[in-house]
Amino acid sequence: MRLVIGALAVLPLVVLPMAAVAETAYITDNLRLGLHQAEDTSGRAFRMLDSGQALEIVSRTRNYANVRLPDGAQGYVKAAYLVAEKPAKLIVAETIAERDALAAELEETKLAFAGPAATIQGLKDDAANLTAELESAEIRITDLSDENASIQGLKERYRGSLPITWVAAAIGVCLLGGFLAGLWWVDRSSRKRHGGIRIY
């Protein structure tokens, strides 16, 4: 019976270190924890670990844990200062770093889109100018259409009339022809009267 009770008492000490294998833990807030060579951390710490330091638990007892750092260093620390969740200090630092990275990415994106945005704005300005020119052309076309309709109306009104220049030219030709014909007639009458001799 004592053998069974003794085995049951030793069982947690065997199972507990096995359960802690490959578990990730963090140094709790506001602490500098010593990393020791001795299993009971009785020796002098050969390295100091800051709050938020991530480490891998190789084995663990109630009071101490054998841990491995990301750079491969291995030693013992007091298990009471290890937590499974990231401490607030580390979360804040990671959040700030993520915010800064996003801000930098945003600035890069703004710079990347600055050129296309200027091109788009230029195209918008060109489109606005072309729209204004089109509206002006449409107004001009409307005015010319009205003017053409007015000319067509005048053309219909004076379809049977001769242009004033033609009438003036015809009158000029008639006057000149009449004057020349009058001269010829006077000359002919004078010679007839004087036996063919031209007397002026």
C-alpha atoms as a PDB file:
ATOM      1  CA  MET A   1       0.000   0.000   0.000  1.00  0.00           C
ATOM      2  CA  ARG A   2       2.834   2.371   0.892  1.00  0.00           C
ATOM      3  CA  LEU A   3       4.452   1.522  -2.448  1.00  0.00           C
ATOM      4  CA  VAL A   4       1.311   2.536  -4.349  1.00  0.00           C
ATOM      5  CA  ILE A   5       0.995   5.812  -2.384  1.00  0.00           C
ATOM      6  CA  GLY A   6       4.680   6.555  -3.011  1.00  0.00           C
ATOM      7  CA  ALA A   7       4.278   5.908  -6.735  1.00  0.00           C
ATOM      8  CA  LEU A   8       1.260   8.203  -6.855  1.00  0.00           C
ATOM      9  CA  ALA A   9       3.209  10.918  -5.050  1.00  0.00           C
ATOM     10  CA  VAL A  10       6.124  10.696  -7.500  1.00  0.00           C
ATOM     11  CA  LEU A  11       3.867  10.543 -10.608  1.00  0.00           C
ATOM     12  CA  PRO A  12       3.133  14.337 -10.760  1.00  0.00           C
ATOM     13  CA  LEU A  13       6.848  15.096 -10.531  1.00  0.00           C
ATOM     14  CA  VAL A  14       7.452  12.875 -13.566  1.00  0.00           C
ATOM     15  CA  VAL A  15       4.425  13.982 -15.628  1.00  0.00           C
ATOM     16  CA  LEU A  16       4.747  17.735 -14.927  1.00  0.00           C
ATOM     17  CA  PRO A  17       8.165  18.206 -16.639  1.00  0.00           C
ATOM     18  CA  MET A  18       6.978  16.112 -19.614  1.00  0.00           C
ATOM     19  CA  ALA A  19       3.848  18.276 -20.018  1.00  0.00           C
ATOM     20  CA  ALA A  20       5.999  21.417 -20.191  1.00  0.00           C
ATOM     21  CA  VAL A  21       8.109  20.240 -23.154  1.00  0.00           C
ATOM     22  CA  ALA A  22       8.141  22.674 -26.151  1.00  0.00           C
ATOM     23  CA  GLU A  23       5.793  25.094 -24.390  1.00  0.00           C
ATOM     24  CA  THR A  24       6.392  28.792 -25.096  1.00  0.00           C
ATOM     25  CA  ALA A  25       6.420  31.149 -22.129  1.00  0.00           C
ATOM     26  CA  TYR A  26       7.279  34.811 -21.464  1.00  0.00           C
ATOM     27  CA  ILE A  27       9.024  36.681 -18.684  1.00  0.00           C
ATOM     28  CA  THR A  28       6.315  38.538 -16.768  1.00  0.00           C
ATOM     29  CA  ASP A  29       5.988  42.360 -16.621  1.00  0.00           C
ATOM     30  CA  ASN A  30       8.468  44.719 -14.945  1.00  0.00           C
ATOM     31  CA  LEU A  31      11.146  42.175 -14.159  1.00  0.00           C
ATOM     32  CA  ARG A  32      14.725  41.255 -14.940  1.00  0.00           C
ATOM     33  CA  LEU A  33      15.094  37.532 -14.420  1.00  0.00           C
ATOM     34  CA  GLY A  34      18.424  35.748 -14.074  1.00  0.00           C
ATOM     35  CA  LEU A  35      19.285  32.756 -16.252  1.00  0.00           C
ATOM     36  CA  HIS A  36      21.330  30.238 -14.256  1.00  0.00           C
ATOM     37  CA  GLN A  37      23.418  27.177 -14.980  1.00  0.00           C
ATOM     38  CA  ALA A  38      22.352  25.447 -11.757  1.00  0.00           C
ATOM     39  CA  GLU A  39      19.015  23.625 -11.764  1.00  0.00           C
ATOM     40  CA  ASP A  40      17.937  25.300  -8.499  1.00  0.00           C
ATOM     41  CA  THR A  41      19.186  28.742  -9.677  1.00  0.00           C
ATOM     42  CA  SER A  42      21.544  28.831  -6.715  1.00  0.00           C
ATOM     43  CA  GLY A  43      24.556  29.848  -8.785  1.00  0.00           C
ATOM     44  CA  ARG A  44      25.297  33.274 -10.215  1.00  0.00           C
ATOM     45  CA  ALA A  45      23.114  34.215 -13.200  1.00  0.00           C
ATOM     46  CA  PHE A  46      25.112  34.238 -16.435  1.00  0.00           C
ATOM     47  CA  ARG A  47      22.505  36.232 -18.280  1.00  0.00           C
ATOM     48  CA  MET A  48      19.677  38.639 -17.403  1.00  0.00           C
ATOM     49  CA  LEU A  49      16.340  38.337 -19.185  1.00  0.00           C
ATOM     50  CA  ASP A  50      13.961  41.292 -19.593  1.00  0.00           C
ATOM     51  CA  SER A  51      10.188  41.324 -19.308  1.00  0.00           C
ATOM     52  CA  GLY A  52       8.527  40.015 -22.436  1.00  0.00           C
ATOM     53  CA  GLN A  53      11.449  37.776 -23.421  1.00  0.00           C
ATOM     54  CA  ALA A  54      10.082  34.721 -25.265  1.00  0.00           C
ATOM     55  CA  LEU A  55      11.629  31.381 -24.421  1.00  0.00           C
ATOM     56  CA  GLU A  56      10.933  27.688 -24.847  1.00  0.00           C
ATOM     57  CA  ILE A  57      10.357  25.546 -21.771  1.00  0.00           C
ATOM     58  CA  VAL A  58      12.380  22.346 -22.101  1.00  0.00           C
ATOM     59  CA  SER A  59      11.326  20.935 -18.724  1.00  0.00           C
ATOM     60  CA  ARG A  60       9.591  22.317 -15.675  1.00  0.00           C
ATOM     61  CA  THR A  61       9.127  21.520 -12.000  1.00  0.00           C
ATOM     62  CA  ARG A  62       7.029  23.337  -9.446  1.00  0.00           C
ATOM     63  CA  ASN A  63       9.701  25.944  -8.684  1.00  0.00           C
ATOM     64  CA  TYR A  64      12.151  25.930 -11.599  1.00  0.00           C
ATOM     65  CA  ALA A  65      12.111  25.591 -15.395  1.00  0.00           C
ATOM     66  CA  ASN A  66      14.791  24.598 -17.857  1.00  0.00           C
ATOM     67  CA  VAL A  67      14.404  27.027 -20.758  1.00  0.00           C
ATOM     68  CA  ARG A  68      15.946  27.627 -24.193  1.00  0.00           C
ATOM     69  CA  LEU A  69      16.194  31.109 -25.727  1.00  0.00           C
ATOM     70  CA  PRO A  70      15.679  31.825 -29.435  1.00  0.00           C
ATOM     71  CA  ASP A  71      19.459  32.204 -29.875  1.00  0.00           C
ATOM     72  CA  GLY A  72      19.998  28.678 -28.460  1.00  0.00           C
ATOM     73  CA  ALA A  73      21.204  29.653 -24.949  1.00  0.00           C
ATOM     74  CA  GLN A  74      19.826  27.292 -22.306  1.00  0.00           C
ATOM     75  CA  GLY A  75      19.586  27.503 -18.524  1.00  0.00           C
ATOM     76  CA  TYR A  76      17.293  27.570 -15.498  1.00  0.00           C
ATOM     77  CA  VAL A  77      14.900  30.244 -14.231  1.00  0.00           C
ATOM     78  CA  LYS A  78      12.334  30.483 -11.448  1.00  0.00           C
ATOM     79  CA  ALA A  79       9.064  29.083 -12.808  1.00  0.00           C
ATOM     80  CA  ALA A  80       6.921  31.547 -10.841  1.00  0.00           C
ATOM     81  CA  TYR A  81       7.974  34.378 -13.177  1.00  0.00           C
ATOM     82  CA  LEU A  82       6.907  32.625 -16.358  1.00  0.00           C
ATOM     83  CA  VAL A  83       3.487  33.297 -17.904  1.00  0.00           C
ATOM     84  CA  ALA A  84       1.779  31.637 -20.858  1.00  0.00           C
ATOM     85  CA  GLU A  85       0.268  34.857 -22.205  1.00  0.00           C
ATOM     86  CA  LYS A  86       2.282  37.722 -23.644  1.00  0.00           C
ATOM     87  CA  PRO A  87       2.721  40.434 -21.024  1.00  0.00           C
ATOM     88  CA  ALA A  88       1.212  43.868 -21.594  1.00  0.00           C
ATOM     89  CA  LYS A  89       4.638  45.417 -22.180  1.00  0.00           C
ATOM     90  CA  LEU A  90       5.330  43.072 -25.088  1.00  0.00           C
ATOM     91  CA  ILE A  91       1.822  43.477 -26.517  1.00  0.00           C
ATOM     92  CA  VAL A  92       2.164  47.275 -26.417  1.00  0.00           C
ATOM     93  CA  ALA A  93       5.602  47.140 -28.050  1.00  0.00           C
ATOM     94  CA  GLU A  94       4.354  44.812 -30.793  1.00  0.00           C
ATOM     95  CA  THR A  95       1.268  47.001 -31.328  1.00  0.00           C
ATOM     96  CA  ILE A  96       3.419  50.132 -31.628  1.00  0.00           C
ATOM     97  CA  ALA A  97       5.783  48.376 -34.043  1.00  0.00           C
ATOM     98  CA  GLU A  98       2.833  47.165 -36.119  1.00  0.00           C
ATOM     99  CA  ARG A  99       1.317  50.670 -36.101  1.00  0.00           C
ATOM    100  CA  ASP A 100       4.619  52.196 -37.220  1.00  0.00           C
ATOM    101  CA  ALA A 101       4.961  49.581 -39.977  1.00  0.00           C
ATOM    102  CA  LEU A 102       1.426  50.278 -41.178  1.00  0.00           C
ATOM    103  CA  ALA A 103       2.074  54.046 -41.102  1.00  0.00           C
ATOM    104  CA  ALA A 104       5.237  53.556 -43.170  1.00  0.00           C
ATOM    105  CA  GLU A 105       3.346  51.310 -45.591  1.00  0.00           C
ATOM    106  CA  LEU A 106       0.593  53.937 -45.860  1.00  0.00           C
ATOM    107  CA  GLU A 107       3.146  56.642 -46.688  1.00  0.00           C
ATOM    108  CA  GLU A 108       4.736  54.393 -49.321  1.00  0.00           C
ATOM    109  CA  THR A 109       1.288  53.726 -50.801  1.00  0.00           C
ATOM    110  CA  LYS A 110       0.518  57.466 -50.868  1.00  0.00           C
ATOM    111  CA  LEU A 111       3.828  58.128 -52.641  1.00  0.00           C
ATOM    112  CA  ALA A 112       3.165  55.279 -55.071  1.00  0.00           C
ATOM    113  CA  PHE A 113      -0.262  56.700 -55.944  1.00  0.00           C
ATOM    114  CA  ALA A 114       0.869  60.369 -56.048  1.00  0.00           C
ATOM    115  CA  GLY A 115       1.928  60.113 -59.713  1.00  0.00           C
ATOM    116  CA  PRO A 116      -1.233  58.324 -60.942  1.00  0.00           C
ATOM    117  CA  ALA A 117      -3.371  60.690 -58.850  1.00  0.00           C
ATOM    118  CA  ALA A 118      -1.749  63.699 -60.554  1.00  0.00           C
ATOM    119  CA  THR A 119      -2.310  62.054 -63.945  1.00  0.00           C
ATOM    120  CA  ILE A 120      -5.943  61.375 -63.094  1.00  0.00           C
ATOM    121  CA  GLN A 121      -6.411  64.981 -61.970  1.00  0.00           C
ATOM    122  CA  GLY A 122      -4.819  66.193 -65.209  1.00  0.00           C
ATOM    123  CA  LEU A 123      -7.160  63.978 -67.222  1.00  0.00           C
ATOM    124  CA  LYS A 124     -10.123  65.319 -65.233  1.00  0.00           C
ATOM    125  CA  ASP A 125      -9.020  68.891 -65.987  1.00  0.00           C
ATOM    126  CA  ASP A 126      -8.615  68.044 -69.686  1.00  0.00           C
ATOM    127  CA  ALA A 127     -12.059  66.435 -69.704  1.00  0.00           C
ATOM    128  CA  ALA A 128     -13.562  69.547 -68.076  1.00  0.00           C
ATOM    129  CA  ASN A 129     -11.869  71.789 -70.660  1.00  0.00           C
ATOM    130  CA  LEU A 130     -13.064  69.589 -73.526  1.00  0.00           C
ATOM    131  CA  THR A 131     -16.583  69.601 -72.088  1.00  0.00           C
ATOM    132  CA  ALA A 132     -16.538  73.407 -71.936  1.00  0.00           C
ATOM    133  CA  GLU A 133     -15.244  73.579 -75.538  1.00  0.00           C
ATOM    134  CA  LEU A 134     -17.931  71.113 -76.629  1.00  0.00           C
ATOM    135  CA  GLU A 135     -20.649  73.213 -74.997  1.00  0.00           C
ATOM    136  CA  SER A 136     -19.251  76.342 -76.693  1.00  0.00           C
ATOM    137  CA  ALA A 137     -19.170  74.515 -80.042  1.00  0.00           C
ATOM    138  CA  GLU A 138     -22.761  73.363 -79.565  1.00  0.00           C
ATOM    139  CA  ILE A 139     -23.831  76.968 -78.879  1.00  0.00           C
ATOM    140  CA  ARG A 140     -21.930  78.112 -82.002  1.00  0.00           C
ATOM    141  CA  ILE A 141     -23.573  75.360 -84.053  1.00  0.00           C
ATOM    142  CA  THR A 142     -27.003  76.472 -82.781  1.00  0.00           C
ATOM    143  CA  ASP A 143     -26.237  80.095 -83.740  1.00  0.00           C
ATOM    144  CA  LEU A 144     -25.016  79.062 -87.198  1.00  0.00           C
ATOM    145  CA  SER A 145     -28.092  76.885 -87.674  1.00  0.00           C
ATOM    146  CA  ASP A 146     -30.332  79.860 -86.815  1.00  0.00           C
ATOM    147  CA  GLU A 147     -28.325  82.103 -89.159  1.00  0.00           C
ATOM    148  CA  ASN A 148     -28.536  79.513 -91.926  1.00  0.00           C
ATOM    149  CA  ALA A 149     -32.291  79.219 -91.422  1.00  0.00           C
ATOM    150  CA  SER A 150     -32.563  83.010 -91.681  1.00  0.00           C
ATOM    151  CA  ILE A 151     -30.493  83.026 -94.883  1.00  0.00           C
ATOM    152  CA  GLN A 152     -32.612  80.231 -96.311  1.00  0.00           C
ATOM    153  CA  GLY A 153     -35.714  82.302 -95.518  1.00  0.00           C
ATOM    154  CA  LEU A 154     -34.280  85.332 -97.307  1.00  0.00           C
ATOM    155  CA  LYS A 155     -33.278  83.118-100.210  1.00  0.00           C
ATOM    156  CA  GLU A 156     -36.842  81.835-100.524  1.00  0.00           C
ATOM    157  CA  ARG A 157     -38.181  85.377-100.243  1.00  0.00           C
ATOM    158  CA  TYR A 158     -35.972  86.776-103.010  1.00  0.00           C
ATOM    159  CA  ARG A 159     -35.829  83.666-105.192  1.00  0.00           C
ATOM    160  CA  GLY A 160     -37.214  85.528-108.309  1.00  0.00           C
ATOM    161  CA  SER A 161     -35.168  88.701-107.752  1.00  0.00           C
ATOM    162  CA  LEU A 162     -31.888  89.601-109.393  1.00  0.00           C
ATOM    163  CA  PRO A 163     -28.952  90.701-107.300  1.00  0.00           C
ATOM    164  CA  ILE A 164     -28.523  94.464-107.078  1.00  0.00           C
ATOM    165  CA  THR A 165     -25.034  94.227-108.588  1.00  0.00           C
ATOM    166  CA  TRP A 166     -26.423  92.508-111.640  1.00  0.00           C
ATOM    167  CA  VAL A 167     -29.107  95.185-112.043  1.00  0.00           C
ATOM    168  CA  ALA A 168     -26.527  97.965-111.624  1.00  0.00           C
ATOM    169  CA  ALA A 169     -24.231  96.314-114.168  1.00  0.00           C
ATOM    170  CA  ALA A 170     -27.088  95.929-116.651  1.00  0.00           C
ATOM    171  CA  ILE A 171     -28.056  99.591-116.218  1.00  0.00           C
ATOM    172  CA  GLY A 172     -24.417 100.632-116.731  1.00  0.00           C
ATOM    173  CA  VAL A 173     -24.149  98.538-119.891  1.00  0.00           C
ATOM    174  CA  CYS A 174     -27.423  99.987-121.206  1.00  0.00           C
ATOM    175  CA  LEU A 175     -26.307 103.577-120.497  1.00  0.00           C
ATOM    176  CA  LEU A 176     -22.947 103.007-122.133  1.00  0.00           C
ATOM    177  CA  GLY A 177     -24.573 101.282-125.103  1.00  0.00           C
ATOM    178  CA  GLY A 178     -27.144 104.072-125.424  1.00  0.00           C
ATOM    179  CA  PHE A 179     -24.440 106.729-125.244  1.00  0.00           C
ATOM    180  CA  LEU A 180     -22.360 105.008-127.937  1.00  0.00           C
ATOM    181  CA  ALA A 181     -25.423 104.441-130.076  1.00  0.00           C
ATOM    182  CA  GLY A 182     -26.330 108.153-129.695  1.00  0.00           C
ATOM    183  CA  LEU A 183     -22.856 109.185-130.803  1.00  0.00           C
ATOM    184  CA  TRP A 184     -23.048 106.911-133.804  1.00  0.00           C
ATOM    185  CA  TRP A 185     -26.480 108.275-134.723  1.00  0.00           C
ATOM    186  CA  VAL A 186     -25.371 111.921-134.450  1.00  0.00           C
ATOM    187  CA  ASP A 187     -22.273 111.181-136.518  1.00  0.00           C
ATOM    188  CA  ARG A 188     -24.269 109.392-139.185  1.00  0.00           C
ATOM    189  CA  SER A 189     -26.895 112.169-139.371  1.00  0.00           C
ATOM    190  CA  SER A 190     -24.193 114.830-139.628  1.00  0.00           C
ATOM    191  CA  ARG A 191     -22.395 113.124-142.494  1.00  0.00           C
ATOM    192  CA  LYS A 192     -25.626 112.466-144.299  1.00  0.00           C
ATOM    193  CA  ARG A 193     -26.520 116.097-144.107  1.00  0.00           C
ATOM    194  CA  HIS A 194     -23.116 117.303-145.293  1.00  0.00           C
ATOM    195  CA  GLY A 195     -22.575 114.911-148.175  1.00  0.00           C
ATOM    196  CA  GLY A 196     -20.555 112.344-146.269  1.00  0.00           C
ATOM    197  CA  ILE A 197     -18.167 114.858-144.725  1.00  0.00           C
ATOM    198  CA  ARG A 198     -17.789 114.652-140.962  1.00  0.00           C
ATOM    199  CA  ILE A 199     -18.155 118.108-139.449  1.00  0.00           C
ATOM    200  CA  TYR A 200     -18.044 118.712-135.734  1.00  0.00           C
END
